Amino acid sequence: MKMSKQIKPISYLKAHAAEIVRNLGEQREPLIITQNGEAKVVIQDIESYEQGQETMALLKILALGNRQIEEGKVASAADVVKHLRKRAGNH
């Protein structure tokens, strides 16, 4: 993805909002909007946004798991199975 083609000034956004929305849905590439020559916002289609949020959630889960491993907060699979069987037998 060439980000340089996806950078537009805020005046372009104001003049072409409907076209931008249509293109975002088709191209699935984010659009960077500048104001006074500085990047200010990123606009993207909803599917890409949702996919990014899901990816972030998975990365947070992985990071939490890695932290628990580093802290020694782990149990072997055999111990977990024993615990679950014992627990199931009590019900």
PDB file of N, CA and C in Angstrom:
ATOM      1  N   MET A   1       0.853  -1.178   0.000  1.00  0.00           N
ATOM      2  CA  MET A   1       0.000   0.000   0.000  1.00  0.00           C
ATOM      3  C   MET A   1       0.895   1.236   0.000  1.00  0.00           C
ATOM      4  N   LYS A   2       0.680   2.103  -0.955  1.00  0.00           N
ATOM      5  CA  LYS A   2       1.430   3.349  -1.021  1.00  0.00           C
ATOM      6  C   LYS A   2       0.680   4.416  -0.245  1.00  0.00           C
ATOM      7  N   MET A   3       1.200   4.711   0.937  1.00  0.00           N
ATOM      8  CA  MET A   3       0.527   5.697   1.782  1.00  0.00           C
ATOM      9  C   MET A   3       0.590   7.097   1.174  1.00  0.00           C
ATOM     10  N   SER A   4       1.617   7.376   0.386  1.00  0.00           N
ATOM     11  CA  SER A   4       1.755   8.716  -0.187  1.00  0.00           C
ATOM     12  C   SER A   4       0.565   9.098  -1.067  1.00  0.00           C
ATOM     13  N   LYS A   5      -0.095   8.111  -1.667  1.00  0.00           N
ATOM     14  CA  LYS A   5      -1.271   8.394  -2.489  1.00  0.00           C
ATOM     15  C   LYS A   5      -2.526   8.518  -1.637  1.00  0.00           C
ATOM     16  N   GLN A   6      -2.430   8.180  -0.386  1.00  0.00           N
ATOM     17  CA  GLN A   6      -3.582   8.195   0.503  1.00  0.00           C
ATOM     18  C   GLN A   6      -3.525   9.361   1.497  1.00  0.00           C
ATOM     19  N   ILE A   7      -2.816  10.417   1.154  1.00  0.00           N
ATOM     20  CA  ILE A   7      -2.721  11.602   2.009  1.00  0.00           C
ATOM     21  C   ILE A   7      -3.415  12.756   1.297  1.00  0.00           C
ATOM     22  N   LYS A   8      -4.398  13.337   1.970  1.00  0.00           N
ATOM     23  CA  LYS A   8      -5.164  14.431   1.375  1.00  0.00           C
ATOM     24  C   LYS A   8      -5.381  15.527   2.417  1.00  0.00           C
ATOM     25  N   PRO A   9      -5.482  16.776   1.954  1.00  0.00           N
ATOM     26  CA  PRO A   9      -5.772  17.866   2.886  1.00  0.00           C
ATOM     27  C   PRO A   9      -7.240  17.855   3.310  1.00  0.00           C
ATOM     28  N   ILE A  10      -7.526  18.509   4.392  1.00  0.00           N
ATOM     29  CA  ILE A  10      -8.890  18.540   4.921  1.00  0.00           C
ATOM     30  C   ILE A  10      -9.856  19.169   3.914  1.00  0.00           C
ATOM     31  N   SER A  11      -9.372  20.086   3.093  1.00  0.00           N
ATOM     32  CA  SER A  11     -10.245  20.704   2.078  1.00  0.00           C
ATOM     33  C   SER A  11     -10.734  19.648   1.081  1.00  0.00           C
ATOM     34  N   TYR A  12      -9.888  18.661   0.769  1.00  0.00           N
ATOM     35  CA  TYR A  12     -10.288  17.573  -0.132  1.00  0.00           C
ATOM     36  C   TYR A  12     -11.392  16.744   0.522  1.00  0.00           C
ATOM     37  N   LEU A  13     -11.249  16.475   1.813  1.00  0.00           N
ATOM     38  CA  LEU A  13     -12.279  15.726   2.548  1.00  0.00           C
ATOM     39  C   LEU A  13     -13.612  16.465   2.496  1.00  0.00           C
ATOM     40  N   LYS A  14     -13.575  17.755   2.735  1.00  0.00           N
ATOM     41  CA  LYS A  14     -14.806  18.546   2.720  1.00  0.00           C
ATOM     42  C   LYS A  14     -15.485  18.535   1.346  1.00  0.00           C
ATOM     43  N   ALA A  15     -14.693  18.597   0.293  1.00  0.00           N
ATOM     44  CA  ALA A  15     -15.240  18.679  -1.057  1.00  0.00           C
ATOM     45  C   ALA A  15     -15.627  17.327  -1.645  1.00  0.00           C
ATOM     46  N   HIS A  16     -15.075  16.227  -1.122  1.00  0.00           N
ATOM     47  CA  HIS A  16     -15.284  14.924  -1.741  1.00  0.00           C
ATOM     48  C   HIS A  16     -15.717  13.845  -0.741  1.00  0.00           C
ATOM     49  N   ALA A  17     -16.446  14.204   0.287  1.00  0.00           N
ATOM     50  CA  ALA A  17     -16.789  13.258   1.361  1.00  0.00           C
ATOM     51  C   ALA A  17     -17.478  11.994   0.839  1.00  0.00           C
ATOM     52  N   ALA A  18     -18.490  12.135   0.017  1.00  0.00           N
ATOM     53  CA  ALA A  18     -19.225  10.957  -0.481  1.00  0.00           C
ATOM     54  C   ALA A  18     -18.313  10.046  -1.303  1.00  0.00           C
ATOM     55  N   GLU A  19     -17.500  10.632  -2.149  1.00  0.00           N
ATOM     56  CA  GLU A  19     -16.563   9.855  -2.975  1.00  0.00           C
ATOM     57  C   GLU A  19     -15.543   9.132  -2.080  1.00  0.00           C
ATOM     58  N   ILE A  20     -15.057   9.810  -1.068  1.00  0.00           N
ATOM     59  CA  ILE A  20     -14.080   9.219  -0.144  1.00  0.00           C
ATOM     60  C   ILE A  20     -14.675   8.014   0.559  1.00  0.00           C
ATOM     61  N   VAL A  21     -15.886   8.150   1.055  1.00  0.00           N
ATOM     62  CA  VAL A  21     -16.546   7.047   1.747  1.00  0.00           C
ATOM     63  C   VAL A  21     -16.710   5.855   0.804  1.00  0.00           C
ATOM     64  N   ARG A  22     -17.132   6.111  -0.406  1.00  0.00           N
ATOM     65  CA  ARG A  22     -17.303   5.044  -1.396  1.00  0.00           C
ATOM     66  C   ARG A  22     -15.962   4.354  -1.683  1.00  0.00           C
ATOM     67  N   ASN A  23     -14.922   5.137  -1.889  1.00  0.00           N
ATOM     68  CA  ASN A  23     -13.598   4.581  -2.195  1.00  0.00           C
ATOM     69  C   ASN A  23     -13.015   3.792  -1.027  1.00  0.00           C
ATOM     70  N   LEU A  24     -13.242   4.264   0.185  1.00  0.00           N
ATOM     71  CA  LEU A  24     -12.733   3.542   1.355  1.00  0.00           C
ATOM     72  C   LEU A  24     -13.327   2.143   1.413  1.00  0.00           C
ATOM     73  N   GLY A  25     -14.605   2.030   1.112  1.00  0.00           N
ATOM     74  CA  GLY A  25     -15.263   0.733   1.124  1.00  0.00           C
ATOM     75  C   GLY A  25     -14.760  -0.190   0.037  1.00  0.00           C
ATOM     76  N   GLU A  26     -14.404   0.368  -1.102  1.00  0.00           N
ATOM     77  CA  GLU A  26     -13.931  -0.434  -2.237  1.00  0.00           C
ATOM     78  C   GLU A  26     -12.449  -0.786  -2.114  1.00  0.00           C
ATOM     79  N   GLN A  27     -11.631   0.184  -1.768  1.00  0.00           N
ATOM     80  CA  GLN A  27     -10.181  -0.006  -1.764  1.00  0.00           C
ATOM     81  C   GLN A  27      -9.655  -0.587  -0.456  1.00  0.00           C
ATOM     82  N   ARG A  28     -10.381  -0.357   0.630  1.00  0.00           N
ATOM     83  CA  ARG A  28      -9.988  -0.836   1.958  1.00  0.00           C
ATOM     84  C   ARG A  28      -8.596  -0.357   2.362  1.00  0.00           C
ATOM     85  N   GLU A  29      -8.247   0.844   1.952  1.00  0.00           N
ATOM     86  CA  GLU A  29      -6.994   1.467   2.352  1.00  0.00           C
ATOM     87  C   GLU A  29      -7.327   2.725   3.140  1.00  0.00           C
ATOM     88  N   PRO A  30      -6.625   2.959   4.233  1.00  0.00           N
ATOM     89  CA  PRO A  30      -6.922   4.151   5.031  1.00  0.00           C
ATOM     90  C   PRO A  30      -6.543   5.428   4.290  1.00  0.00           C
ATOM     91  N   LEU A  31      -7.165   6.516   4.686  1.00  0.00           N
ATOM     92  CA  LEU A  31      -6.894   7.828   4.114  1.00  0.00           C
ATOM     93  C   LEU A  31      -6.402   8.735   5.238  1.00  0.00           C
ATOM     94  N   ILE A  32      -5.265   9.361   5.030  1.00  0.00           N
ATOM     95  CA  ILE A  32      -4.700  10.272   6.022  1.00  0.00           C
ATOM     96  C   ILE A  32      -5.108  11.685   5.636  1.00  0.00           C
ATOM     97  N   ILE A  33      -5.695  12.391   6.595  1.00  0.00           N
ATOM     98  CA  ILE A  33      -6.135  13.768   6.358  1.00  0.00           C
ATOM     99  C   ILE A  33      -5.174  14.713   7.064  1.00  0.00           C
ATOM    100  N   THR A  34      -4.725  15.723   6.312  1.00  0.00           N
ATOM    101  CA  THR A  34      -3.811  16.710   6.884  1.00  0.00           C
ATOM    102  C   THR A  34      -4.538  18.022   7.143  1.00  0.00           C
ATOM    103  N   GLN A  35      -3.996  18.750   8.093  1.00  0.00           N
ATOM    104  CA  GLN A  35      -4.503  20.095   8.381  1.00  0.00           C
ATOM    105  C   GLN A  35      -3.274  20.977   8.598  1.00  0.00           C
ATOM    106  N   ASN A  36      -3.185  22.055   7.859  1.00  0.00           N
ATOM    107  CA  ASN A  36      -2.015  22.931   7.899  1.00  0.00           C
ATOM    108  C   ASN A  36      -0.720  22.154   7.653  1.00  0.00           C
ATOM    109  N   GLY A  37      -0.786  21.173   6.744  1.00  0.00           N
ATOM    110  CA  GLY A  37       0.396  20.422   6.353  1.00  0.00           C
ATOM    111  C   GLY A  37       0.798  19.297   7.285  1.00  0.00           C
ATOM    112  N   GLU A  38       0.064  19.096   8.380  1.00  0.00           N
ATOM    113  CA  GLU A  38       0.390  18.033   9.334  1.00  0.00           C
ATOM    114  C   GLU A  38      -0.686  16.958   9.321  1.00  0.00           C
ATOM    115  N   ALA A  39      -0.251  15.708   9.401  1.00  0.00           N
ATOM    116  CA  ALA A  39      -1.212  14.609   9.487  1.00  0.00           C
ATOM    117  C   ALA A  39      -2.008  14.750  10.784  1.00  0.00           C
ATOM    118  N   LYS A  40      -3.339  14.671  10.684  1.00  0.00           N
ATOM    119  CA  LYS A  40      -4.197  14.863  11.862  1.00  0.00           C
ATOM    120  C   LYS A  40      -5.083  13.658  12.160  1.00  0.00           C
ATOM    121  N   VAL A  41      -5.655  13.039  11.122  1.00  0.00           N
ATOM    122  CA  VAL A  41      -6.567  11.918  11.335  1.00  0.00           C
ATOM    123  C   VAL A  41      -6.376  10.863  10.254  1.00  0.00           C
ATOM    124  N   VAL A  42      -6.813   9.657  10.591  1.00  0.00           N
ATOM    125  CA  VAL A  42      -6.843   8.562   9.630  1.00  0.00           C
ATOM    126  C   VAL A  42      -8.281   8.103   9.514  1.00  0.00           C
ATOM    127  N   ILE A  43      -8.752   7.961   8.284  1.00  0.00           N
ATOM    128  CA  ILE A  43     -10.105   7.485   8.027  1.00  0.00           C
ATOM    129  C   ILE A  43      -9.985   6.122   7.357  1.00  0.00           C
ATOM    130  N   GLN A  44     -10.793   5.165   7.817  1.00  0.00           N
ATOM    131  CA  GLN A  44     -10.762   3.846   7.199  1.00  0.00           C
ATOM    132  C   GLN A  44     -12.155   3.243   7.194  1.00  0.00           C
ATOM    133  N   ASP A  45     -12.342   2.210   6.363  1.00  0.00           N
ATOM    134  CA  ASP A  45     -13.643   1.554   6.290  1.00  0.00           C
ATOM    135  C   ASP A  45     -13.878   0.740   7.562  1.00  0.00           C
ATOM    136  N   ILE A  46     -15.127   0.464   7.857  1.00  0.00           N
ATOM    137  CA  ILE A  46     -15.505  -0.177   9.112  1.00  0.00           C
ATOM    138  C   ILE A  46     -14.961  -1.601   9.212  1.00  0.00           C
ATOM    139  N   GLU A  47     -14.934  -2.340   8.114  1.00  0.00           N
ATOM    140  CA  GLU A  47     -14.432  -3.716   8.158  1.00  0.00           C
ATOM    141  C   GLU A  47     -12.952  -3.745   8.532  1.00  0.00           C
ATOM    142  N   SER A  48     -12.176  -2.846   7.969  1.00  0.00           N
ATOM    143  CA  SER A  48     -10.753  -2.773   8.311  1.00  0.00           C
ATOM    144  C   SER A  48     -10.576  -2.380   9.770  1.00  0.00           C
ATOM    145  N   TYR A  49     -11.390  -1.437  10.231  1.00  0.00           N
ATOM    146  CA  TYR A  49     -11.323  -1.014  11.633  1.00  0.00           C
ATOM    147  C   TYR A  49     -11.629  -2.182  12.564  1.00  0.00           C
ATOM    148  N   GLU A  50     -12.703  -2.901  12.283  1.00  0.00           N
ATOM    149  CA  GLU A  50     -13.082  -4.039  13.123  1.00  0.00           C
ATOM    150  C   GLU A  50     -12.008  -5.122  13.111  1.00  0.00           C
ATOM    151  N   GLN A  51     -11.443  -5.379  11.951  1.00  0.00           N
ATOM    152  CA  GLN A  51     -10.375  -6.373  11.844  1.00  0.00           C
ATOM    153  C   GLN A  51      -9.166  -5.942  12.673  1.00  0.00           C
ATOM    154  N   GLY A  52      -8.846  -4.679  12.632  1.00  0.00           N
ATOM    155  CA  GLY A  52      -7.740  -4.149  13.441  1.00  0.00           C
ATOM    156  C   GLY A  52      -8.006  -4.286  14.928  1.00  0.00           C
ATOM    157  N   GLN A  53      -9.255  -4.041  15.331  1.00  0.00           N
ATOM    158  CA  GLN A  53      -9.621  -4.175  16.746  1.00  0.00           C
ATOM    159  C   GLN A  53      -9.508  -5.627  17.202  1.00  0.00           C
ATOM    160  N   GLU A  54      -9.941  -6.561  16.354  1.00  0.00           N
ATOM    161  CA  GLU A  54      -9.828  -7.981  16.687  1.00  0.00           C
ATOM    162  C   GLU A  54      -8.362  -8.390  16.811  1.00  0.00           C
ATOM    163  N   THR A  55      -7.544  -7.886  15.899  1.00  0.00           N
ATOM    164  CA  THR A  55      -6.105  -8.185  15.949  1.00  0.00           C
ATOM    165  C   THR A  55      -5.496  -7.650  17.242  1.00  0.00           C
ATOM    166  N   MET A  56      -5.857  -6.438  17.619  1.00  0.00           N
ATOM    167  CA  MET A  56      -5.339  -5.851  18.857  1.00  0.00           C
ATOM    168  C   MET A  56      -5.765  -6.672  20.072  1.00  0.00           C
ATOM    169  N   ALA A  57      -7.008  -7.140  20.080  1.00  0.00           N
ATOM    170  CA  ALA A  57      -7.488  -7.954  21.203  1.00  0.00           C
ATOM    171  C   ALA A  57      -6.682  -9.251  21.308  1.00  0.00           C
ATOM    172  N   LEU A  58      -6.421  -9.886  20.178  1.00  0.00           N
ATOM    173  CA  LEU A  58      -5.626 -11.120  20.184  1.00  0.00           C
ATOM    174  C   LEU A  58      -4.202 -10.856  20.659  1.00  0.00           C
ATOM    175  N   LEU A  59      -3.617  -9.750  20.228  1.00  0.00           N
ATOM    176  CA  LEU A  59      -2.267  -9.408  20.662  1.00  0.00           C
ATOM    177  C   LEU A  59      -2.220  -9.149  22.171  1.00  0.00           C
ATOM    178  N   LYS A  60      -3.263  -8.529  22.710  1.00  0.00           N
ATOM    179  CA  LYS A  60      -3.322  -8.295  24.155  1.00  0.00           C
ATOM    180  C   LYS A  60      -3.408  -9.613  24.908  1.00  0.00           C
ATOM    181  N   ILE A  61      -4.195 -10.561  24.381  1.00  0.00           N
ATOM    182  CA  ILE A  61      -4.305 -11.881  25.013  1.00  0.00           C
ATOM    183  C   ILE A  61      -2.953 -12.587  24.990  1.00  0.00           C
ATOM    184  N   LEU A  62      -2.250 -12.525  23.858  1.00  0.00           N
ATOM    185  CA  LEU A  62      -0.924 -13.138  23.755  1.00  0.00           C
ATOM    186  C   LEU A  62       0.059 -12.492  24.727  1.00  0.00           C
ATOM    187  N   ALA A  63       0.024 -11.177  24.827  1.00  0.00           N
ATOM    188  CA  ALA A  63       0.924 -10.476  25.745  1.00  0.00           C
ATOM    189  C   ALA A  63       0.632 -10.872  27.193  1.00  0.00           C
ATOM    190  N   LEU A  64      -0.643 -10.990  27.529  1.00  0.00           N
ATOM    191  CA  LEU A  64      -1.014 -11.405  28.879  1.00  0.00           C
ATOM    192  C   LEU A  64      -0.510 -12.821  29.154  1.00  0.00           C
ATOM    193  N   GLY A  65      -0.684 -13.709  28.186  1.00  0.00           N
ATOM    194  CA  GLY A  65      -0.204 -15.078  28.334  1.00  0.00           C
ATOM    195  C   GLY A  65       1.299 -15.124  28.523  1.00  0.00           C
ATOM    196  N   ASN A  66       2.026 -14.344  27.733  1.00  0.00           N
ATOM    197  CA  ASN A  66       3.492 -14.298  27.866  1.00  0.00           C
ATOM    198  C   ASN A  66       3.904 -13.764  29.232  1.00  0.00           C
ATOM    199  N   ARG A  67       3.208 -12.753  29.720  1.00  0.00           N
ATOM    200  CA  ARG A  67       3.515 -12.199  31.035  1.00  0.00           C
ATOM    201  C   ARG A  67       3.266 -13.233  32.124  1.00  0.00           C
ATOM    202  N   GLN A  68       2.166 -13.998  32.005  1.00  0.00           N
ATOM    203  CA  GLN A  68       1.872 -15.036  32.989  1.00  0.00           C
ATOM    204  C   GLN A  68       2.937 -16.134  32.964  1.00  0.00           C
ATOM    205  N   ILE A  69       3.427 -16.469  31.778  1.00  0.00           N
ATOM    206  CA  ILE A  69       4.502 -17.459  31.673  1.00  0.00           C
ATOM    207  C   ILE A  69       5.759 -16.941  32.358  1.00  0.00           C
ATOM    208  N   GLU A  70       6.108 -15.670  32.086  1.00  0.00           N
ATOM    209  CA  GLU A  70       7.295 -15.071  32.702  1.00  0.00           C
ATOM    210  C   GLU A  70       7.183 -15.027  34.222  1.00  0.00           C
ATOM    211  N   GLU A  71       5.972 -14.836  34.741  1.00  0.00           N
ATOM    212  CA  GLU A  71       5.747 -14.765  36.184  1.00  0.00           C
ATOM    213  C   GLU A  71       5.559 -16.139  36.815  1.00  0.00           C
ATOM    214  N   GLY A  72       5.621 -17.182  35.987  1.00  0.00           N
ATOM    215  CA  GLY A  72       5.481 -18.539  36.511  1.00  0.00           C
ATOM    216  C   GLY A  72       4.056 -18.920  36.851  1.00  0.00           C
ATOM    217  N   LYS A  73       3.108 -18.202  36.349  1.00  0.00           N
ATOM    218  CA  LYS A  73       1.694 -18.480  36.633  1.00  0.00           C
ATOM    219  C   LYS A  73       1.149 -19.448  35.580  1.00  0.00           C
ATOM    220  N   VAL A  74       1.732 -20.636  35.537  1.00  0.00           N
ATOM    221  CA  VAL A  74       1.338 -21.632  34.555  1.00  0.00           C
ATOM    222  C   VAL A  74       1.149 -22.986  35.229  1.00  0.00           C
ATOM    223  N   ALA A  75       0.425 -23.843  34.566  1.00  0.00           N
ATOM    224  CA  ALA A  75       0.243 -25.219  35.031  1.00  0.00           C
ATOM    225  C   ALA A  75       0.390 -26.129  33.820  1.00  0.00           C
ATOM    226  N   SER A  76       0.859 -27.312  34.056  1.00  0.00           N
ATOM    227  CA  SER A  76       0.998 -28.254  32.945  1.00  0.00           C
ATOM    228  C   SER A  76      -0.386 -28.698  32.486  1.00  0.00           C
ATOM    229  N   ALA A  77      -0.460 -29.148  31.255  1.00  0.00           N
ATOM    230  CA  ALA A  77      -1.735 -29.631  30.711  1.00  0.00           C
ATOM    231  C   ALA A  77      -2.234 -30.810  31.532  1.00  0.00           C
ATOM    232  N   ALA A  78      -1.326 -31.682  31.952  1.00  0.00           N
ATOM    233  CA  ALA A  78      -1.720 -32.856  32.752  1.00  0.00           C
ATOM    234  C   ALA A  78      -2.353 -32.422  34.065  1.00  0.00           C
ATOM    235  N   ASP A  79      -1.781 -31.429  34.722  1.00  0.00           N
ATOM    236  CA  ASP A  79      -2.346 -30.928  35.984  1.00  0.00           C
ATOM    237  C   ASP A  79      -3.720 -30.309  35.765  1.00  0.00           C
ATOM    238  N   VAL A  80      -3.883 -29.596  34.681  1.00  0.00           N
ATOM    239  CA  VAL A  80      -5.179 -28.971  34.385  1.00  0.00           C
ATOM    240  C   VAL A  80      -6.226 -30.048  34.147  1.00  0.00           C
ATOM    241  N   VAL A  81      -5.876 -31.077  33.382  1.00  0.00           N
ATOM    242  CA  VAL A  81      -6.816 -32.163  33.106  1.00  0.00           C
ATOM    243  C   VAL A  81      -7.200 -32.863  34.402  1.00  0.00           C
ATOM    244  N   LYS A  82      -6.230 -33.146  35.269  1.00  0.00           N
ATOM    245  CA  LYS A  82      -6.518 -33.776  36.565  1.00  0.00           C
ATOM    246  C   LYS A  82      -7.486 -32.921  37.371  1.00  0.00           C
ATOM    247  N   HIS A  83      -7.217 -31.635  37.401  1.00  0.00           N
ATOM    248  CA  HIS A  83      -8.069 -30.712  38.159  1.00  0.00           C
ATOM    249  C   HIS A  83      -9.492 -30.703  37.599  1.00  0.00           C
ATOM    250  N   LEU A  84      -9.615 -30.659  36.288  1.00  0.00           N
ATOM    251  CA  LEU A  84     -10.931 -30.641  35.664  1.00  0.00           C
ATOM    252  C   LEU A  84     -11.703 -31.944  35.914  1.00  0.00           C
ATOM    253  N   ARG A  85     -11.008 -33.075  35.855  1.00  0.00           N
ATOM    254  CA  ARG A  85     -11.650 -34.366  36.095  1.00  0.00           C
ATOM    255  C   ARG A  85     -12.109 -34.465  37.552  1.00  0.00           C
ATOM    256  N   LYS A  86     -11.257 -34.006  38.442  1.00  0.00           N
ATOM    257  CA  LYS A  86     -11.592 -34.022  39.868  1.00  0.00           C
ATOM    258  C   LYS A  86     -12.820 -33.135  40.123  1.00  0.00           C
ATOM    259  N   ARG A  87     -12.792 -31.975  39.514  1.00  0.00           N
ATOM    260  CA  ARG A  87     -13.903 -31.025  39.673  1.00  0.00           C
ATOM    261  C   ARG A  87     -15.193 -31.596  39.096  1.00  0.00           C
ATOM    262  N   ALA A  88     -15.112 -32.247  37.924  1.00  0.00           N
ATOM    263  CA  ALA A  88     -16.298 -32.828  37.278  1.00  0.00           C
ATOM    264  C   ALA A  88     -16.853 -33.966  38.114  1.00  0.00           C
ATOM    265  N   GLY A  89     -15.983 -34.690  38.804  1.00  0.00           N
ATOM    266  CA  GLY A  89     -16.421 -35.799  39.653  1.00  0.00           C
ATOM    267  C   GLY A  89     -17.161 -35.339  40.892  1.00  0.00           C
ATOM    268  N   ASN A  90     -16.963 -34.097  41.297  1.00  0.00           N
ATOM    269  CA  ASN A  90     -17.631 -33.553  42.481  1.00  0.00           C
ATOM    270  C   ASN A  90     -19.036 -33.046  42.165  1.00  0.00           C
ATOM    271  N   HIS A  91     -19.412 -33.040  40.912  1.00  0.00           N
ATOM    272  CA  HIS A  91     -20.737 -32.481  40.537  1.00  0.00           C
ATOM    273  C   HIS A  91     -21.679 -33.569  40.129  1.00  0.00           C
TER     274      HIS A  91
END
